[in-house]
Amino acid sequence: MILFQPSLWKPFFIENSRVPRFLEKFAPIKIAAITIGPLVFCRGKVNDSNIRHETVHFQQQLETLFIGFLLLYLYDYLIAIYIRKLTGRHAYLAIRAEQEARQSAWKPGYLKTRKRFRWILNFI
């Protein structure tokens, strides 16, 4: 039954949202879409790679009960900036949640074979 299989849960996509444009004023990158809980706010129309990328983030948030995701994301970003001395986009790309999501964006079957919690250890 799908209700009891969180690995099959998908977020809700909201296309043509102003949220990404607003948030990128505070980010070092151009934001095409952002996952906030079960909602994905997309700058324009969503495509298959964006769906996979943002669904991976949604699954990561489920695995870490949302607040854990935010803490790991911030931790990785701060480590990239202050210890690894990376800046802007390079610091963003060093975040382990982004590494898994970016790698999976171009793999159509990834969400079916994805191992839960693996991203926390594999991308450190």
Protein backbone atom coordinates (compact mmCIF):
# COMPACT_ATOMS: atom_id res chain seq x y z
CA MET A 1 0.00 0.00 0.00
CA ILE A 2 1.48 3.38 -1.08
CA LEU A 3 0.45 5.12 2.16
CA PHE A 4 3.00 3.12 4.13
CA GLN A 5 5.84 3.34 1.59
CA PRO A 6 7.41 6.79 2.00
CA SER A 7 10.00 5.95 -0.67
CA LEU A 8 7.18 6.18 -3.22
CA TRP A 9 5.84 9.52 -2.00
CA LYS A 10 6.21 12.45 -4.39
CA PRO A 11 6.06 16.18 -3.70
CA PHE A 12 3.55 18.59 -5.23
CA PHE A 13 4.97 20.82 -7.98
CA ILE A 14 3.89 24.44 -8.33
CA GLU A 15 4.94 25.84 -11.69
CA ASN A 16 5.56 29.49 -12.56
CA SER A 17 6.09 30.43 -8.93
CA ARG A 18 7.75 33.63 -7.75
CA VAL A 19 9.31 31.89 -4.75
CA PRO A 20 12.55 30.83 -6.57
CA ARG A 21 13.11 34.38 -7.88
CA PHE A 22 12.62 35.82 -4.41
CA LEU A 23 14.90 33.29 -2.66
CA GLU A 24 17.73 33.59 -5.16
CA LYS A 25 18.28 37.14 -3.88
CA PHE A 26 19.80 35.42 -0.84
CA ALA A 27 21.50 32.50 -2.63
CA PRO A 28 24.78 32.19 -4.55
CA ILE A 29 23.02 30.45 -7.46
CA LYS A 30 20.10 30.90 -9.82
CA ILE A 31 17.23 28.84 -8.40
CA ALA A 32 15.12 26.95 -10.92
CA ALA A 33 13.12 25.13 -8.25
CA ILE A 34 13.15 24.68 -4.48
CA THR A 35 11.65 21.97 -2.30
CA ILE A 36 10.10 23.13 0.94
CA GLY A 37 8.49 20.17 2.64
CA PRO A 38 6.01 18.51 0.31
CA LEU A 39 5.91 21.51 -2.05
CA VAL A 40 8.25 22.26 -4.93
CA PHE A 41 8.16 25.82 -6.21
CA CYS A 42 9.36 26.02 -9.82
CA ARG A 43 10.43 29.15 -11.67
CA GLY A 44 8.79 28.00 -14.91
CA LYS A 45 7.56 24.73 -16.33
CA VAL A 46 9.00 21.63 -14.69
CA ASN A 47 10.92 19.01 -16.70
CA ASP A 48 11.83 15.39 -15.93
CA SER A 49 15.31 16.11 -14.58
CA ASN A 50 13.93 18.81 -12.25
CA ILE A 51 11.26 16.39 -11.05
CA ARG A 52 13.89 13.78 -10.19
CA HIS A 53 16.21 16.34 -8.57
CA GLU A 54 13.51 17.86 -6.38
CA THR A 55 11.92 14.51 -5.55
CA VAL A 56 15.30 13.35 -4.23
CA HIS A 57 15.37 16.45 -1.99
CA PHE A 58 11.84 15.63 -0.81
CA GLN A 59 12.95 12.08 0.06
CA GLN A 60 16.03 13.44 1.85
CA GLN A 61 13.78 15.73 3.88
CA LEU A 62 11.49 12.81 4.80
CA GLU A 63 14.49 10.73 5.89
CA THR A 64 15.79 13.44 8.20
CA LEU A 65 12.41 14.68 9.41
CA PHE A 66 12.84 17.99 7.56
CA ILE A 67 14.76 19.81 10.32
CA GLY A 68 17.66 17.36 9.99
CA PHE A 69 17.84 18.14 6.29
CA LEU A 70 18.09 21.85 6.98
CA LEU A 71 20.78 21.31 9.61
CA LEU A 72 22.87 19.01 7.37
CA TYR A 73 22.44 21.38 4.43
CA LEU A 74 23.59 24.38 6.46
CA TYR A 75 26.42 22.40 8.07
CA ASP A 76 27.76 21.25 4.67
CA TYR A 77 27.52 24.77 3.27
CA LEU A 78 29.36 26.32 6.22
CA ILE A 79 32.07 23.63 6.12
CA ALA A 80 32.53 24.30 2.40
CA ILE A 81 32.91 28.03 2.99
CA TYR A 82 34.92 28.22 6.21
CA ILE A 83 37.04 25.06 6.17
CA ARG A 84 37.31 24.11 2.51
CA LYS A 85 37.47 27.82 1.52
CA LEU A 86 34.99 27.41 -1.34
CA THR A 87 32.79 30.27 -2.47
CA GLY A 88 29.37 30.73 -4.04
CA ARG A 89 28.39 28.02 -6.48
CA HIS A 90 31.33 25.78 -5.49
CA ALA A 91 30.19 25.75 -1.86
CA TYR A 92 26.65 24.94 -2.99
CA LEU A 93 27.93 22.03 -5.12
CA ALA A 94 29.82 20.64 -2.10
CA ILE A 95 26.58 20.05 -0.17
CA ARG A 96 25.98 16.30 0.03
CA ALA A 97 22.23 16.64 -0.54
CA GLU A 98 22.93 18.57 -3.75
CA GLN A 99 25.51 16.03 -4.88
CA GLU A 100 23.02 13.16 -4.73
CA ALA A 101 20.22 15.21 -6.32
CA ARG A 102 22.43 16.47 -9.15
CA GLN A 103 23.80 13.00 -9.91
CA SER A 104 20.31 11.50 -9.95
CA ALA A 105 18.71 14.19 -12.12
CA TRP A 106 19.85 12.48 -15.32
CA LYS A 107 19.12 8.88 -14.25
CA PRO A 108 15.48 8.07 -15.07
CA GLY A 109 15.29 4.92 -12.88
CA TYR A 110 17.17 6.34 -9.91
CA LEU A 111 14.19 6.95 -7.64
CA LYS A 112 13.16 3.28 -7.89
CA THR A 113 16.60 1.99 -6.84
CA ARG A 114 17.60 4.77 -4.44
CA LYS A 115 18.92 3.55 -1.09
CA ARG A 116 17.48 5.44 1.86
CA PHE A 117 19.91 7.50 4.02
CA ARG A 118 22.86 6.51 1.81
CA TRP A 119 23.45 10.12 0.74
CA ILE A 120 24.38 11.11 4.28
CA LEU A 121 27.43 8.84 4.31
CA ASN A 122 28.32 8.53 0.61
CA PHE A 123 28.84 12.19 -0.13
CA ILE A 124 30.85 13.40 2.87
